[in-house]
């Protein structure tokens, strides 16, 4: 088949308009394709399936239906050939407008499509960042030790007034005016008074209550509260105290640390905590430096981001959020109600982050091309094997879950990791 007649016109927002002309020779080929498809699916009296001649078939189904079948074959096939011949990297479905159609003779149409945008990178090898050193503080080690003690605390029911440090269980109902607060009710809810896990001022209201007591009080939510409909508003709470427990923390000694792991002395546990904190801080400092570097490079890059890419990324972010909520046993509609938003609100709010993600991905892709970064099948397999180390039935798990599609995702992750490592190497020289 000879090359199509294709005119390419650049449009704003990283789009192009293709004007495609399909001439008689190609059109006859598409008509044969349409004929074979229709004749095998239509029963025509006096003919065996698939054997009716073209003129009889057209009379049976009607010229309009036959022409429509031809277009359904001709447009997608010729469009695919056009973008391939012109080396166009389309990233969206085309919007097609047929401008001329003469059955069996000529087809002309316009197809508007978003394309992978051109990325003009800055002199990224001379953009610098510093990996800050964040030393482990004694208070951080002590906090982890306290958490370990709390995890192994003994709880004792007491018949006295609740005080700071007690674990209590309460019912609570919140109201704004006479309306129940969405997500503002719970039964037998556990709280450790003084840990500050509730709205500021709430836990203090529990001090002095005894088992069976009820209380009503008002609290103003912070102005920067994450649910906009509640931020800065006064909420009336009705609570009932059910259980008051004294928290008896185990003593921090050598006997205690032996229960935690392979440690003989408190000093051994402290040393292990310090080592893990140091590693976590190094990784976090490196992550922050990488983030700072990418933001600098993206800000200095010239990219005209297609709206289609941003829309697709926004929807992907919403789907990821919905999946995460469902995996935790929640309901996405209930979640939206709890934060006082609709799906369209999320769409608008996430657009900015989606655009940043798209820009970052395009920049990293361009850097990897210019740097000649490659990921081999051996590297992908090695990464898969690393992820299943220690799993029971690792071989079966690998065969079942690490499909070619999953391996493509891992390949992309390795591309990203290697590209960022290369950039960070330049930035910290």
Protein backbone atom coordinates (compact mmCIF):
# COMPACT_ATOMS: atom_id res chain seq x y z
CA UNK A 1 0.00 0.00 0.00
CA UNK A 2 1.41 3.36 -1.00
CA UNK A 3 2.06 6.14 1.48
CA UNK A 4 -0.98 8.18 2.52
CA UNK A 5 -1.33 11.87 1.78
CA UNK A 6 -0.93 13.47 5.19
CA UNK A 7 -0.60 17.14 6.11
CA UNK A 8 0.52 17.94 9.67
CA UNK A 9 -0.36 21.25 11.31
CA UNK A 10 1.00 22.16 14.74
CA UNK A 11 -1.55 23.51 17.22
CA UNK A 12 -1.20 25.10 20.68
CA UNK A 13 -1.03 22.98 23.86
CA UNK A 14 1.10 20.27 22.22
CA UNK A 15 -1.52 19.20 19.71
CA UNK A 16 -1.41 18.54 15.97
CA UNK A 17 -4.06 18.38 13.28
CA UNK A 18 -3.61 15.71 10.63
CA UNK A 19 -5.38 16.12 7.31
CA UNK A 20 -5.51 12.60 5.87
CA UNK A 21 -6.48 11.77 2.29
CA UNK A 22 -7.29 8.14 1.43
CA UNK A 23 -7.47 7.58 -2.33
CA UNK A 24 -9.23 5.04 -4.54
CA UNK A 25 -6.73 2.18 -4.26
CA UNK A 26 -6.76 2.24 -0.46
CA UNK A 27 -10.52 2.81 -0.31
CA UNK A 28 -11.20 -0.30 -2.36
CA UNK A 29 -9.10 -2.30 0.06
CA UNK A 30 -11.11 -0.98 3.01
CA UNK A 31 -14.36 -1.76 1.15
CA UNK A 32 -13.24 -5.38 0.73
CA UNK A 33 -12.49 -5.53 4.46
CA UNK A 34 -15.93 -4.10 5.30
CA UNK A 35 -17.61 -6.51 2.86
CA UNK A 36 -15.92 -9.56 4.44
CA UNK A 37 -17.01 -8.46 7.91
CA UNK A 38 -20.64 -7.74 6.98
CA UNK A 39 -21.25 -10.67 4.66
CA UNK A 40 -20.18 -13.13 7.35
CA UNK A 41 -22.60 -11.65 9.90
CA UNK A 42 -25.71 -11.07 7.75
CA UNK A 43 -28.12 -13.83 6.70
CA UNK A 44 -29.29 -13.34 3.11
CA UNK A 45 -31.95 -15.61 1.61
CA UNK A 46 -30.69 -17.77 -1.24
CA UNK A 47 -27.02 -17.51 -0.30
CA UNK A 48 -24.78 -19.51 1.98
CA UNK A 49 -23.21 -17.52 4.87
CA UNK A 50 -20.43 -15.32 3.54
CA UNK A 51 -21.19 -15.97 -0.13
CA UNK A 52 -23.57 -13.14 -1.14
CA UNK A 53 -22.07 -10.80 -3.77
CA UNK A 54 -21.33 -7.16 -2.90
CA UNK A 55 -24.30 -5.63 -4.75
CA UNK A 56 -26.75 -8.01 -3.05
CA UNK A 57 -25.18 -7.30 0.36
CA UNK A 58 -25.50 -3.53 -0.15
CA UNK A 59 -29.14 -3.94 -1.13
CA UNK A 60 -29.80 -6.09 1.95
CA UNK A 61 -28.11 -3.87 4.59
CA UNK A 62 -28.49 -0.53 2.81
CA UNK A 63 -25.84 1.73 1.32
CA UNK A 64 -25.66 3.89 4.46
CA UNK A 65 -24.84 0.97 6.75
CA UNK A 66 -22.25 -0.35 4.32
CA UNK A 67 -20.61 3.07 4.02
CA UNK A 68 -20.55 3.40 7.80
CA UNK A 69 -18.82 0.02 8.05
CA UNK A 70 -16.23 1.18 5.52
CA UNK A 71 -15.54 4.33 7.57
CA UNK A 72 -15.23 2.30 10.79
CA UNK A 73 -12.47 0.31 9.09
CA UNK A 74 -10.83 3.04 7.02
CA UNK A 75 -10.47 5.80 9.62
CA UNK A 76 -8.71 3.91 12.45
CA UNK A 77 -6.46 1.94 10.09
CA UNK A 78 -5.45 4.93 7.99
CA UNK A 79 -5.00 7.09 11.11
CA UNK A 80 -2.65 4.52 12.64
CA UNK A 81 -0.68 4.40 9.39
CA UNK A 82 -0.57 8.22 9.23
CA UNK A 83 0.86 8.70 12.75
CA UNK A 84 3.34 5.87 12.12
CA UNK A 85 4.51 7.31 8.79
CA UNK A 86 4.82 10.82 10.26
CA UNK A 87 6.49 9.53 13.47
CA UNK A 88 3.91 11.28 15.64
CA UNK A 89 3.84 10.28 19.33
CA UNK A 90 0.12 10.57 20.03
CA UNK A 91 -0.95 10.49 23.68
CA UNK A 92 -4.73 10.80 23.33
CA UNK A 93 -7.57 9.50 21.23
CA UNK A 94 -8.01 11.59 18.05
CA UNK A 95 -10.97 13.88 17.48
CA UNK A 96 -11.99 13.06 13.90
CA UNK A 97 -14.03 15.16 11.49
CA UNK A 98 -14.81 13.71 8.04
CA UNK A 99 -14.66 16.50 5.47
CA UNK A 100 -15.17 14.47 2.28
CA UNK A 101 -16.33 10.93 1.52
CA UNK A 102 -17.04 9.49 -1.94
CA UNK A 103 -17.81 5.77 -1.52
CA UNK A 104 -15.24 3.62 -3.28
CA UNK A 105 -13.30 6.68 -4.44
CA UNK A 106 -12.08 9.07 -1.75
CA UNK A 107 -12.00 9.77 1.97
CA UNK A 108 -10.65 12.94 3.53
CA UNK A 109 -10.73 13.71 7.24
CA UNK A 110 -9.06 15.79 9.92
CA UNK A 111 -7.78 14.23 13.14
CA UNK A 112 -6.79 16.44 16.06
CA UNK A 113 -4.65 14.73 18.69
CA UNK A 114 -2.44 15.58 21.68
CA UNK A 115 1.19 14.62 21.24
CA UNK A 116 4.14 14.08 23.52
CA UNK A 117 5.41 17.62 24.05
CA UNK A 118 8.88 18.88 23.30
CA UNK A 119 10.96 19.31 26.45
CA UNK A 120 13.75 21.88 26.48
CA UNK A 121 16.00 21.12 29.42
CA UNK A 122 18.20 23.64 31.23
CA UNK A 123 21.90 23.05 31.88
CA UNK A 124 20.95 20.47 34.50
CA UNK A 125 24.53 19.31 35.09
CA UNK A 126 25.28 22.65 36.76
CA UNK A 127 22.22 22.80 39.02
CA UNK A 128 23.41 22.10 42.56
CA UNK A 129 21.77 20.91 45.78
CA UNK A 130 23.14 19.83 49.14
CA UNK A 131 22.25 16.69 51.07
CA UNK A 132 21.81 18.11 54.56
CA UNK A 133 23.13 16.19 57.56
CA UNK A 134 20.45 15.56 60.17
CA UNK A 135 21.94 14.16 63.37
CA UNK A 136 20.01 11.87 65.70
CA UNK A 137 18.87 13.61 68.88
CA UNK A 138 18.64 11.97 72.30
CA UNK A 139 14.97 13.01 72.51
CA UNK A 140 14.20 10.99 69.36
CA UNK A 141 15.73 7.85 70.84
CA UNK A 142 13.84 8.43 74.10
CA UNK A 143 10.57 8.84 72.17
CA UNK A 144 10.99 5.45 70.50
CA UNK A 145 11.86 3.85 73.83
CA UNK A 146 8.70 5.39 75.33
CA UNK A 147 6.63 4.04 72.42
CA UNK A 148 8.06 0.55 72.96
CA UNK A 149 7.11 0.75 76.64
CA UNK A 150 3.59 1.96 75.78
CA UNK A 151 3.10 -0.95 73.38
CA UNK A 152 3.79 -3.33 76.27
CA UNK A 153 1.98 -1.40 78.96
CA UNK A 154 -0.35 -3.11 81.42
CA UNK A 155 -3.82 -1.54 81.59
CA UNK A 156 -5.68 -1.62 84.92
CA UNK A 157 -9.33 -0.60 85.31
CA UNK A 158 -9.70 2.01 88.04
CA UNK A 159 -12.69 3.54 89.83
CA UNK A 160 -11.63 7.14 90.18
CA UNK A 161 -11.62 10.38 88.27
CA UNK A 162 -9.81 10.33 84.91
CA UNK A 163 -6.46 12.08 84.89
CA UNK A 164 -3.69 12.89 82.47
CA UNK A 165 -2.04 9.73 81.10
CA UNK A 166 -5.09 7.49 81.58
CA UNK A 167 -6.52 5.40 78.78
CA UNK A 168 -10.28 5.91 78.56
CA UNK A 169 -13.13 4.74 76.35
CA UNK A 170 -15.94 7.18 75.59
CA UNK A 171 -18.99 7.73 73.42
CA UNK A 172 -19.07 11.11 71.72
CA UNK A 173 -21.44 12.97 69.40
CA UNK A 174 -20.60 16.29 67.77
CA UNK A 175 -23.07 18.93 66.56
CA UNK A 176 -22.84 22.16 64.60
CA UNK A 177 -25.93 23.96 65.78
CA UNK A 178 -28.62 21.27 65.80
CA UNK A 179 -27.04 19.29 62.94
CA UNK A 180 -24.95 16.18 63.65
CA UNK A 181 -21.32 16.61 62.64
CA UNK A 182 -20.46 14.37 59.68
CA UNK A 183 -17.98 11.79 61.02
CA UNK A 184 -18.25 13.36 64.47
CA UNK A 185 -19.69 10.41 66.40
CA UNK A 186 -18.17 7.26 67.86
CA UNK A 187 -18.91 4.57 70.43
CA UNK A 188 -16.42 3.17 72.94
CA UNK A 189 -13.70 5.27 71.40
CA UNK A 190 -10.24 4.77 72.99
CA UNK A 191 -8.21 7.85 73.98
CA UNK A 192 -5.03 8.27 76.01
CA UNK A 193 -5.49 11.61 77.76
CA UNK A 194 -2.61 13.96 77.09
CA UNK A 195 -1.27 12.39 73.90
CA UNK A 196 -2.85 15.14 71.82
CA UNK A 197 -4.44 12.92 69.19
CA UNK A 198 -7.75 14.83 69.29
CA UNK A 199 -8.80 18.40 68.56
CA UNK A 200 -6.93 20.80 70.89
CA UNK A 201 -8.87 21.14 74.14
CA UNK A 202 -10.93 17.94 73.75
CA UNK A 203 -8.82 15.62 75.91
CA UNK A 204 -8.60 18.17 78.73
CA UNK A 205 -12.41 18.05 79.02
CA UNK A 206 -12.18 14.37 80.02
CA UNK A 207 -10.07 15.03 83.11
CA UNK A 208 -12.08 14.68 86.31
CA UNK A 209 -14.84 12.51 84.85
CA UNK A 210 -15.77 9.17 86.44
CA UNK A 211 -17.11 6.00 84.87
CA UNK A 212 -20.72 6.60 83.73
CA UNK A 213 -20.42 10.40 83.76
CA UNK A 214 -21.75 12.48 80.86
CA UNK A 215 -20.61 15.94 79.85
CA UNK A 216 -21.38 18.59 77.26
CA UNK A 217 -18.92 21.22 76.06
CA UNK A 218 -18.07 23.42 73.07
CA UNK A 219 -14.79 23.47 71.15
CA UNK A 220 -13.70 25.72 68.30
CA UNK A 221 -11.98 23.77 65.53
CA UNK A 222 -8.64 25.18 64.29
CA UNK A 223 -8.82 27.64 61.39
CA UNK A 224 -6.45 25.41 59.40
CA UNK A 225 -8.43 22.20 60.01
CA UNK A 226 -8.24 19.88 56.98
CA UNK A 227 -12.03 19.73 56.52
CA UNK A 228 -12.98 23.16 55.17
CA UNK A 229 -16.63 22.97 56.28
CA UNK A 230 -15.57 22.61 59.93
CA UNK A 231 -12.43 24.78 60.03
CA UNK A 232 -12.80 27.66 62.48
CA UNK A 233 -16.29 26.61 63.58
CA UNK A 234 -17.59 25.86 67.06
CA UNK A 235 -18.73 22.28 67.66
CA UNK A 236 -20.90 21.12 70.57
CA UNK A 237 -19.92 17.70 71.97
CA UNK A 238 -21.89 15.31 74.17
CA UNK A 239 -19.73 12.58 75.72
CA UNK A 240 -20.16 9.62 78.07
CA UNK A 241 -17.31 8.01 80.00
CA UNK A 242 -17.31 4.19 79.95
CA UNK A 243 -13.89 2.93 81.00
CA UNK A 244 -10.96 4.50 82.85
CA UNK A 245 -7.68 2.59 82.84
CA UNK A 246 -4.38 3.35 84.48
CA UNK A 247 -1.44 2.82 82.14
CA UNK A 248 1.36 0.93 83.91
CA UNK A 249 4.51 1.26 81.80
CA UNK A 250 7.18 -1.45 82.16
CA UNK A 251 10.51 -0.32 83.56
CA UNK A 252 13.23 0.29 80.98
CA UNK A 253 15.86 -2.25 82.02
CA UNK A 254 17.89 -5.13 80.60
CA UNK A 255 15.07 -7.61 81.23
CA UNK A 256 12.67 -5.43 79.21
CA UNK A 257 14.98 -5.06 76.19
CA UNK A 258 15.45 -8.84 75.98
CA UNK A 259 11.73 -9.02 75.12
CA UNK A 260 12.18 -6.55 72.25
CA UNK A 261 14.79 -8.44 70.24
CA UNK A 262 18.32 -9.83 70.29
CA UNK A 263 19.53 -7.37 72.92
CA UNK A 264 21.27 -7.97 76.23
CA UNK A 265 21.38 -4.47 77.64
CA UNK A 266 19.48 -1.19 77.33
CA UNK A 267 22.57 0.32 75.70
CA UNK A 268 22.38 -2.31 72.92
CA UNK A 269 18.78 -1.35 72.12
CA UNK A 270 19.62 2.36 72.18
CA UNK A 271 22.51 1.76 69.79
CA UNK A 272 20.26 -0.18 67.40
CA UNK A 273 17.60 2.55 67.51
CA UNK A 274 20.25 5.21 66.85
CA UNK A 275 21.59 3.23 63.88
CA UNK A 276 18.12 2.83 62.36
CA UNK A 277 17.31 6.50 62.92
CA UNK A 278 20.58 7.53 61.27
CA UNK A 279 19.76 5.42 58.21
CA UNK A 280 16.21 6.77 58.05
CA UNK A 281 17.46 10.36 58.34
CA UNK A 282 20.05 9.83 55.60
CA UNK A 283 17.38 8.44 53.29
CA UNK A 284 15.01 11.32 54.13
CA UNK A 285 17.75 13.92 53.57
CA UNK A 286 18.56 12.34 50.23
CA UNK A 287 14.87 12.27 49.29
CA UNK A 288 14.52 15.97 50.14
CA UNK A 289 17.61 16.81 48.06
CA UNK A 290 16.21 14.83 45.12
CA UNK A 291 12.88 16.62 45.43
CA UNK A 292 14.58 20.02 45.58
CA UNK A 293 16.72 19.16 42.56
CA UNK A 294 13.78 17.96 40.46
CA UNK A 295 11.78 21.08 41.34
CA UNK A 296 14.69 23.28 40.22
CA UNK A 297 15.17 21.41 36.94
CA UNK A 298 11.43 21.31 36.16
CA UNK A 299 11.09 25.04 36.95
CA UNK A 300 13.89 25.88 34.49
CA UNK A 301 12.62 23.51 31.77
CA UNK A 302 10.38 24.69 28.94
CA UNK A 303 7.39 22.39 28.46
CA UNK A 304 3.95 22.96 27.01
CA UNK A 305 2.00 20.34 28.94
CA UNK A 306 -1.01 18.88 27.07
CA UNK A 307 -4.31 19.21 28.94
CA UNK A 308 -5.06 15.56 28.11
CA UNK A 309 -2.01 14.38 30.05
CA UNK A 310 -2.96 16.47 33.09
CA UNK A 311 -6.56 15.20 32.95
CA UNK A 312 -5.39 11.59 32.72
CA UNK A 313 -2.99 12.03 35.64
CA UNK A 314 -5.68 13.73 37.74
CA UNK A 315 -8.06 10.84 37.20
CA UNK A 316 -5.29 8.34 38.00
CA UNK A 317 -4.66 10.15 41.31
CA UNK A 318 -8.35 10.00 42.20
CA UNK A 319 -8.51 6.29 41.33
CA UNK A 320 -5.43 5.64 43.49
CA UNK A 321 -7.03 7.50 46.41
CA UNK A 322 -10.28 5.59 45.99
CA UNK A 323 -8.43 2.25 45.86
CA UNK A 324 -6.47 3.09 49.01
CA UNK A 325 -9.67 3.92 50.91
CA UNK A 326 -11.40 0.73 49.72
CA UNK A 327 -8.37 -1.39 50.70
CA UNK A 328 -8.68 -0.01 54.23
CA UNK A 329 -12.31 -1.11 54.31
CA UNK A 330 -13.75 2.34 53.65
CA UNK A 331 -16.24 3.72 51.17
CA UNK A 332 -15.16 6.50 48.81
CA UNK A 333 -18.53 8.29 48.87
CA UNK A 334 -18.47 8.27 52.68
CA UNK A 335 -14.93 9.64 52.58
CA UNK A 336 -16.01 12.50 50.32
CA UNK A 337 -18.89 13.31 52.69
CA UNK A 338 -16.53 13.29 55.68
CA UNK A 339 -14.31 15.94 54.08
CA UNK A 340 -17.27 17.88 52.72
CA UNK A 341 -16.30 17.56 49.06
CA UNK A 342 -17.53 16.17 45.76
CA UNK A 343 -15.55 14.26 43.17
CA UNK A 344 -15.43 17.39 40.99
CA UNK A 345 -13.85 19.30 43.91
CA UNK A 346 -11.07 16.73 44.13
CA UNK A 347 -10.59 16.96 40.39
CA UNK A 348 -10.01 20.72 40.64
CA UNK A 349 -7.80 20.47 43.73
CA UNK A 350 -5.54 17.76 42.28
CA UNK A 351 -4.99 19.47 38.90
CA UNK A 352 -1.95 21.41 40.16
CA UNK A 353 -0.23 18.35 41.62
CA UNK A 354 -1.13 16.34 38.51
CA UNK A 355 0.53 18.94 36.27
CA UNK A 356 3.67 18.85 38.44
CA UNK A 357 3.77 15.05 38.17
CA UNK A 358 3.38 15.17 34.40
CA UNK A 359 6.10 17.81 34.03
CA UNK A 360 8.46 15.87 36.28
CA UNK A 361 7.85 12.67 34.33
CA UNK A 362 8.48 14.40 31.00
CA UNK A 363 11.69 16.00 32.30
CA UNK A 364 13.01 12.70 33.66
CA UNK A 365 12.15 10.97 30.39
CA UNK A 366 14.06 13.59 28.40
CA UNK A 367 17.06 13.44 30.76
CA UNK A 368 17.19 9.65 30.47
CA UNK A 369 17.25 9.98 26.66
CA UNK A 370 20.03 12.57 26.69
CA UNK A 371 22.04 10.57 29.22
CA UNK A 372 21.51 7.28 27.38
CA UNK A 373 20.16 5.59 30.50
CA UNK A 374 19.02 2.02 29.92
CA UNK A 375 17.35 -0.64 32.03
CA UNK A 376 18.10 -4.24 31.08
CA UNK A 377 15.90 -7.31 31.50
CA UNK A 378 18.53 -8.64 33.91
CA UNK A 379 18.09 -5.56 36.13
CA UNK A 380 14.31 -5.94 36.09
CA UNK A 381 14.56 -9.62 37.06
CA UNK A 382 17.03 -8.77 39.83
CA UNK A 383 14.63 -6.14 41.20
CA UNK A 384 11.74 -8.64 41.12
CA UNK A 385 13.86 -11.22 42.96
CA UNK A 386 14.84 -8.61 45.56
CA UNK A 387 11.18 -7.82 46.25
CA UNK A 388 10.22 -11.44 46.92
CA UNK A 389 13.16 -12.37 49.14
CA UNK A 390 11.87 -14.11 52.25
CA UNK A 391 8.37 -14.65 50.89
CA UNK A 392 6.86 -18.12 51.33
CA UNK A 393 6.44 -19.82 47.94
CA UNK A 394 8.42 -17.01 46.32
CA UNK A 395 8.75 -18.80 42.98
CA UNK A 396 4.99 -19.36 42.65
CA UNK A 397 4.31 -15.79 43.78
CA UNK A 398 6.69 -14.46 41.13
CA UNK A 399 5.07 -16.48 38.34
CA UNK A 400 1.54 -15.50 39.40
CA UNK A 401 1.88 -11.81 40.22
CA UNK A 402 4.86 -10.48 38.29
CA UNK A 403 3.23 -10.33 34.87
CA UNK A 404 4.78 -8.57 31.89
CA UNK A 405 2.67 -5.52 32.73
CA UNK A 406 4.01 -5.49 36.31
CA UNK A 407 7.54 -5.87 35.01
CA UNK A 408 6.99 -2.85 32.75
CA UNK A 409 6.03 -0.85 35.84
CA UNK A 410 9.21 -2.00 37.59
CA UNK A 411 11.24 -1.10 34.50
CA UNK A 412 9.79 2.43 34.63
CA UNK A 413 10.59 2.69 38.35
CA UNK A 414 14.19 1.63 37.67
CA UNK A 415 14.45 4.18 34.83
CA UNK A 416 13.28 6.88 37.22
CA UNK A 417 15.60 5.77 40.01
CA UNK A 418 18.66 5.58 37.76
CA UNK A 419 17.90 8.96 36.17
CA UNK A 420 17.49 10.68 39.55
CA UNK A 421 20.71 9.07 40.82
CA UNK A 422 22.53 10.40 37.76
CA UNK A 423 21.15 13.90 38.32
CA UNK A 424 21.98 13.83 42.03
CA UNK A 425 25.51 12.78 41.16
CA UNK A 426 25.93 15.93 39.05
CA UNK A 427 24.20 18.12 41.65
CA UNK A 428 26.37 17.11 44.61
CA UNK A 429 29.81 17.11 42.93
